[in-house]
Amino acid sequence: MKTICLATRAVCAAALLAGVAACAPDADAPTQAEPRAVANAGLTVSNARIVLAPVAGNPAAAYFDLSYNGKSGVSLTGVEVEGAGMTMIHDYANTGGKAQMVMADSVPLTEGAPVTFAPGGLHVMAMEPTDALKPGGTARLTLILSDQTKVTVDAPVKAAGDER
């Protein structure tokens, strides 16, 4: 279930406006040179990357691909980004004929059904990025499942205009 971000309207509005460049549909998928996939507890994470906003200090976005081969009833409930003050899982939904960024409470994982976090769809907003997130560096993404399993991967950090 997705709920419109009312309680944190100001934060979401700032994330939407400031993070548009990081979430823009023209932010292409990563190249073949990305790190290998990491698998744990039936969850395989690949193509992980963090894209910084064009203006330092504005929210960054994290993208990745998931495949799941585990028990039923498990969902992705959170993602931590090393070097960010807080994170939110977002998606886009059509509300009143307009595409609008919405909070995603959780993302159900189903065996054999890949899930893609990509520009213009599901993504993780990394709010309050610190100086630890620098283009050309790496940062740890920790995915948290509803059964409290945690899977951590290293993700390259890209500048807003970097080739992906």
C-alpha atoms as a PDB file:
ATOM      1  CA  MET A   1       0.000   0.000   0.000  1.00  0.00           C
ATOM      2  CA  LYS A   2       1.261   3.440  -0.812  1.00  0.00           C
ATOM      3  CA  THR A   3       0.342   6.551   1.122  1.00  0.00           C
ATOM      4  CA  ILE A   4       0.790  10.122   0.063  1.00  0.00           C
ATOM      5  CA  CYS A   5       3.412  11.814   2.162  1.00  0.00           C
ATOM      6  CA  LEU A   6       1.220  14.183   4.197  1.00  0.00           C
ATOM      7  CA  ALA A   7       2.937  14.053   7.584  1.00  0.00           C
ATOM      8  CA  THR A   8       6.232  15.117   6.114  1.00  0.00           C
ATOM      9  CA  ARG A   9       4.858  17.299   3.312  1.00  0.00           C
ATOM     10  CA  ALA A  10       7.653  19.874   3.608  1.00  0.00           C
ATOM     11  CA  VAL A  11      10.383  17.244   3.547  1.00  0.00           C
ATOM     12  CA  CYS A  12       8.783  15.432   0.619  1.00  0.00           C
ATOM     13  CA  ALA A  13       8.260  18.667  -1.297  1.00  0.00           C
ATOM     14  CA  ALA A  14      11.908  19.569  -0.788  1.00  0.00           C
ATOM     15  CA  ALA A  15      12.949  16.061  -1.822  1.00  0.00           C
ATOM     16  CA  LEU A  16      10.751  16.229  -4.902  1.00  0.00           C
ATOM     17  CA  LEU A  17      12.062  19.603  -6.018  1.00  0.00           C
ATOM     18  CA  ALA A  18      15.673  19.099  -5.017  1.00  0.00           C
ATOM     19  CA  GLY A  19      15.916  15.497  -6.107  1.00  0.00           C
ATOM     20  CA  VAL A  20      14.274  15.804  -9.522  1.00  0.00           C
ATOM     21  CA  ALA A  21      17.631  15.681 -11.297  1.00  0.00           C
ATOM     22  CA  ALA A  22      18.638  12.548  -9.419  1.00  0.00           C
ATOM     23  CA  CYS A  23      15.276  10.891 -10.162  1.00  0.00           C
ATOM     24  CA  ALA A  24      14.909  12.133 -13.734  1.00  0.00           C
ATOM     25  CA  PRO A  25      13.940   9.471 -16.281  1.00  0.00           C
ATOM     26  CA  ASP A  26      16.999  10.322 -18.401  1.00  0.00           C
ATOM     27  CA  ALA A  27      19.303   8.979 -15.666  1.00  0.00           C
ATOM     28  CA  ASP A  28      20.292   5.798 -17.503  1.00  0.00           C
ATOM     29  CA  ALA A  29      20.910   2.380 -16.004  1.00  0.00           C
ATOM     30  CA  PRO A  30      24.441   1.512 -14.932  1.00  0.00           C
ATOM     31  CA  THR A  31      27.070   0.225 -17.318  1.00  0.00           C
ATOM     32  CA  GLN A  32      28.502  -3.290 -17.387  1.00  0.00           C
ATOM     33  CA  ALA A  33      31.376  -2.116 -15.138  1.00  0.00           C
ATOM     34  CA  GLU A  34      29.201  -2.013 -12.014  1.00  0.00           C
ATOM     35  CA  PRO A  35      30.038  -4.260  -9.042  1.00  0.00           C
ATOM     36  CA  ARG A  36      28.807  -7.841  -9.059  1.00  0.00           C
ATOM     37  CA  ALA A  37      25.513  -8.850  -7.500  1.00  0.00           C
ATOM     38  CA  VAL A  38      25.341  -9.655  -3.792  1.00  0.00           C
ATOM     39  CA  ALA A  39      23.022 -12.413  -2.585  1.00  0.00           C
ATOM     40  CA  ASN A  40      21.939 -13.177   0.973  1.00  0.00           C
ATOM     41  CA  ALA A  41      18.829 -14.722   2.557  1.00  0.00           C
ATOM     42  CA  GLY A  42      17.315 -15.326  -0.883  1.00  0.00           C
ATOM     43  CA  LEU A  43      17.705 -11.659  -1.887  1.00  0.00           C
ATOM     44  CA  THR A  44      20.037 -10.764  -4.763  1.00  0.00           C
ATOM     45  CA  VAL A  45      20.970  -7.097  -5.166  1.00  0.00           C
ATOM     46  CA  SER A  46      22.599  -5.900  -8.391  1.00  0.00           C
ATOM     47  CA  ASN A  47      23.231  -2.649 -10.292  1.00  0.00           C
ATOM     48  CA  ALA A  48      23.338  -0.658  -7.045  1.00  0.00           C
ATOM     49  CA  ARG A  49      24.308   2.997  -7.416  1.00  0.00           C
ATOM     50  CA  ILE A  50      23.820   6.314  -5.656  1.00  0.00           C
ATOM     51  CA  VAL A  51      23.280   9.429  -7.732  1.00  0.00           C
ATOM     52  CA  LEU A  52      24.002  12.779  -6.132  1.00  0.00           C
ATOM     53  CA  ALA A  53      21.889  15.872  -6.789  1.00  0.00           C
ATOM     54  CA  PRO A  54      23.464  18.669  -8.858  1.00  0.00           C
ATOM     55  CA  VAL A  55      23.455  20.943  -5.787  1.00  0.00           C
ATOM     56  CA  ALA A  56      25.568  19.733  -2.855  1.00  0.00           C
ATOM     57  CA  GLY A  57      23.497  18.913   0.227  1.00  0.00           C
ATOM     58  CA  ASN A  58      20.297  18.205  -1.697  1.00  0.00           C
ATOM     59  CA  PRO A  59      18.891  14.659  -1.500  1.00  0.00           C
ATOM     60  CA  ALA A  60      20.620  11.899  -3.422  1.00  0.00           C
ATOM     61  CA  ALA A  61      18.841   8.887  -4.929  1.00  0.00           C
ATOM     62  CA  ALA A  62      19.717   5.198  -4.669  1.00  0.00           C
ATOM     63  CA  TYR A  63      18.812   2.704  -7.369  1.00  0.00           C
ATOM     64  CA  PHE A  64      19.268  -1.070  -7.626  1.00  0.00           C
ATOM     65  CA  ASP A  65      17.722  -4.276  -8.952  1.00  0.00           C
ATOM     66  CA  LEU A  66      16.363  -7.016  -6.689  1.00  0.00           C
ATOM     67  CA  SER A  67      15.494 -10.626  -7.247  1.00  0.00           C
ATOM     68  CA  TYR A  68      14.088 -12.808  -4.512  1.00  0.00           C
ATOM     69  CA  ASN A  69      14.128 -16.539  -3.949  1.00  0.00           C
ATOM     70  CA  GLY A  70      12.937 -17.036  -0.382  1.00  0.00           C
ATOM     71  CA  LYS A  71       9.977 -17.536   1.878  1.00  0.00           C
ATOM     72  CA  SER A  72       6.652 -15.905   1.069  1.00  0.00           C
ATOM     73  CA  GLY A  73       5.264 -12.889   2.874  1.00  0.00           C
ATOM     74  CA  VAL A  74       8.563 -10.996   3.031  1.00  0.00           C
ATOM     75  CA  SER A  75       8.889  -7.371   1.964  1.00  0.00           C
ATOM     76  CA  LEU A  76      11.559  -4.692   1.758  1.00  0.00           C
ATOM     77  CA  THR A  77      10.761  -2.303   4.601  1.00  0.00           C
ATOM     78  CA  GLY A  78      13.754   0.013   4.632  1.00  0.00           C
ATOM     79  CA  VAL A  79      17.072   0.979   3.109  1.00  0.00           C
ATOM     80  CA  GLU A  80      19.933   2.660   4.943  1.00  0.00           C
ATOM     81  CA  VAL A  81      22.471   4.686   2.969  1.00  0.00           C
ATOM     82  CA  GLU A  82      25.870   5.216   4.547  1.00  0.00           C
ATOM     83  CA  GLY A  83      26.501   8.956   4.562  1.00  0.00           C
ATOM     84  CA  ALA A  84      22.835  10.009   4.599  1.00  0.00           C
ATOM     85  CA  GLY A  85      20.913  11.377   7.572  1.00  0.00           C
ATOM     86  CA  MET A  86      17.738   9.466   6.727  1.00  0.00           C
ATOM     87  CA  THR A  87      16.164   7.614   3.822  1.00  0.00           C
ATOM     88  CA  MET A  88      12.716   7.132   2.336  1.00  0.00           C
ATOM     89  CA  ILE A  89      11.468   4.618  -0.206  1.00  0.00           C
ATOM     90  CA  HIS A  90       9.476   6.488  -2.839  1.00  0.00           C
ATOM     91  CA  ASP A  91       7.454   5.565  -5.886  1.00  0.00           C
ATOM     92  CA  TYR A  92       5.366   7.522  -8.349  1.00  0.00           C
ATOM     93  CA  ALA A  93       1.593   7.289  -8.602  1.00  0.00           C
ATOM     94  CA  ASN A  94      -1.014   9.026 -10.712  1.00  0.00           C
ATOM     95  CA  THR A  95      -3.225  11.103  -8.460  1.00  0.00           C
ATOM     96  CA  GLY A  96      -5.836  13.290 -10.054  1.00  0.00           C
ATOM     97  CA  GLY A  97      -4.220  12.836 -13.463  1.00  0.00           C
ATOM     98  CA  LYS A  98      -0.777  13.937 -12.231  1.00  0.00           C
ATOM     99  CA  ALA A  99       2.310  11.875 -11.517  1.00  0.00           C
ATOM    100  CA  GLN A 100       3.153  12.421  -7.885  1.00  0.00           C
ATOM    101  CA  MET A 101       5.952  11.105  -5.682  1.00  0.00           C
ATOM    102  CA  VAL A 102       4.548   8.969  -2.859  1.00  0.00           C
ATOM    103  CA  MET A 103       5.995   7.126   0.106  1.00  0.00           C
ATOM    104  CA  ALA A 104       6.133   3.355  -0.260  1.00  0.00           C
ATOM    105  CA  ASP A 105       5.429   1.728   3.111  1.00  0.00           C
ATOM    106  CA  SER A 106       7.049  -1.506   1.988  1.00  0.00           C
ATOM    107  CA  VAL A 107       7.840  -3.326  -1.221  1.00  0.00           C
ATOM    108  CA  PRO A 108       6.515  -6.913  -1.372  1.00  0.00           C
ATOM    109  CA  LEU A 109       9.043  -9.501  -2.554  1.00  0.00           C
ATOM    110  CA  THR A 110       7.799 -12.461  -4.545  1.00  0.00           C
ATOM    111  CA  GLU A 111       9.891 -15.366  -5.719  1.00  0.00           C
ATOM    112  CA  GLY A 112      10.678 -14.998  -9.421  1.00  0.00           C
ATOM    113  CA  ALA A 113       9.363 -11.415  -9.671  1.00  0.00           C
ATOM    114  CA  PRO A 114      12.264  -8.951 -10.049  1.00  0.00           C
ATOM    115  CA  VAL A 115      11.938  -5.472  -8.545  1.00  0.00           C
ATOM    116  CA  THR A 116      13.733  -2.504 -10.073  1.00  0.00           C
ATOM    117  CA  PHE A 117      14.534   0.727  -8.265  1.00  0.00           C
ATOM    118  CA  ALA A 118      15.126   3.156 -11.136  1.00  0.00           C
ATOM    119  CA  PRO A 119      14.589   6.783 -12.148  1.00  0.00           C
ATOM    120  CA  GLY A 120      10.896   7.538 -12.644  1.00  0.00           C
ATOM    121  CA  GLY A 121       9.759   4.610 -10.461  1.00  0.00           C
ATOM    122  CA  LEU A 122      10.699   3.061  -7.147  1.00  0.00           C
ATOM    123  CA  HIS A 123      13.777   4.738  -5.663  1.00  0.00           C
ATOM    124  CA  VAL A 124      15.360   5.543  -2.328  1.00  0.00           C
ATOM    125  CA  MET A 125      15.771   9.199  -1.402  1.00  0.00           C
ATOM    126  CA  ALA A 126      18.894   9.728   0.704  1.00  0.00           C
ATOM    127  CA  MET A 127      18.130  12.864   2.695  1.00  0.00           C
ATOM    128  CA  GLU A 128      20.738  15.031   4.373  1.00  0.00           C
ATOM    129  CA  PRO A 129      23.738  13.574   2.504  1.00  0.00           C
ATOM    130  CA  THR A 130      27.080  14.199   4.193  1.00  0.00           C
ATOM    131  CA  ASP A 131      30.462  14.904   2.640  1.00  0.00           C
ATOM    132  CA  ALA A 132      31.123  11.149   2.864  1.00  0.00           C
ATOM    133  CA  LEU A 133      29.075  10.759  -0.346  1.00  0.00           C
ATOM    134  CA  LYS A 134      31.470  11.910  -3.058  1.00  0.00           C
ATOM    135  CA  PRO A 135      31.454  11.205  -6.796  1.00  0.00           C
ATOM    136  CA  GLY A 136      33.784   8.342  -7.597  1.00  0.00           C
ATOM    137  CA  GLY A 137      33.515   6.901  -4.093  1.00  0.00           C
ATOM    138  CA  THR A 138      31.410   4.077  -2.739  1.00  0.00           C
ATOM    139  CA  ALA A 139      28.839   3.876   0.027  1.00  0.00           C
ATOM    140  CA  ARG A 140      27.114   0.981   1.735  1.00  0.00           C
ATOM    141  CA  LEU A 141      23.423   0.360   1.113  1.00  0.00           C
ATOM    142  CA  THR A 142      21.737  -1.814   3.724  1.00  0.00           C
ATOM    143  CA  LEU A 143      18.396  -3.298   2.690  1.00  0.00           C
ATOM    144  CA  ILE A 144      16.130  -4.298   5.562  1.00  0.00           C
ATOM    145  CA  LEU A 145      13.468  -6.972   5.117  1.00  0.00           C
ATOM    146  CA  SER A 146      10.289  -7.451   7.128  1.00  0.00           C
ATOM    147  CA  ASP A 147      11.777 -10.561   8.772  1.00  0.00           C
ATOM    148  CA  GLN A 148      14.640  -8.313  10.052  1.00  0.00           C
ATOM    149  CA  THR A 149      17.167  -9.783   7.591  1.00  0.00           C
ATOM    150  CA  LYS A 150      19.690  -7.166   6.455  1.00  0.00           C
ATOM    151  CA  VAL A 151      21.634  -7.314   3.196  1.00  0.00           C
ATOM    152  CA  THR A 152      24.470  -4.823   2.671  1.00  0.00           C
ATOM    153  CA  VAL A 153      26.063  -3.945  -0.669  1.00  0.00           C
ATOM    154  CA  ASP A 154      28.651  -1.411  -1.768  1.00  0.00           C
ATOM    155  CA  ALA A 155      27.357   1.078  -4.315  1.00  0.00           C
ATOM    156  CA  PRO A 156      29.340   3.496  -6.477  1.00  0.00           C
ATOM    157  CA  VAL A 157      28.523   7.164  -5.907  1.00  0.00           C
ATOM    158  CA  LYS A 158      27.888   9.101  -9.115  1.00  0.00           C
ATOM    159  CA  ALA A 159      27.631  12.830  -9.753  1.00  0.00           C
ATOM    160  CA  ALA A 160      24.365  14.067 -11.271  1.00  0.00           C
ATOM    161  CA  GLY A 161      25.903  14.385 -14.744  1.00  0.00           C
ATOM    162  CA  ASP A 162      28.045  11.238 -14.714  1.00  0.00           C
ATOM    163  CA  GLU A 163      27.516   8.627 -17.393  1.00  0.00           C
ATOM    164  CA  ARG A 164      25.673   5.721 -15.877  1.00  0.00           C
END
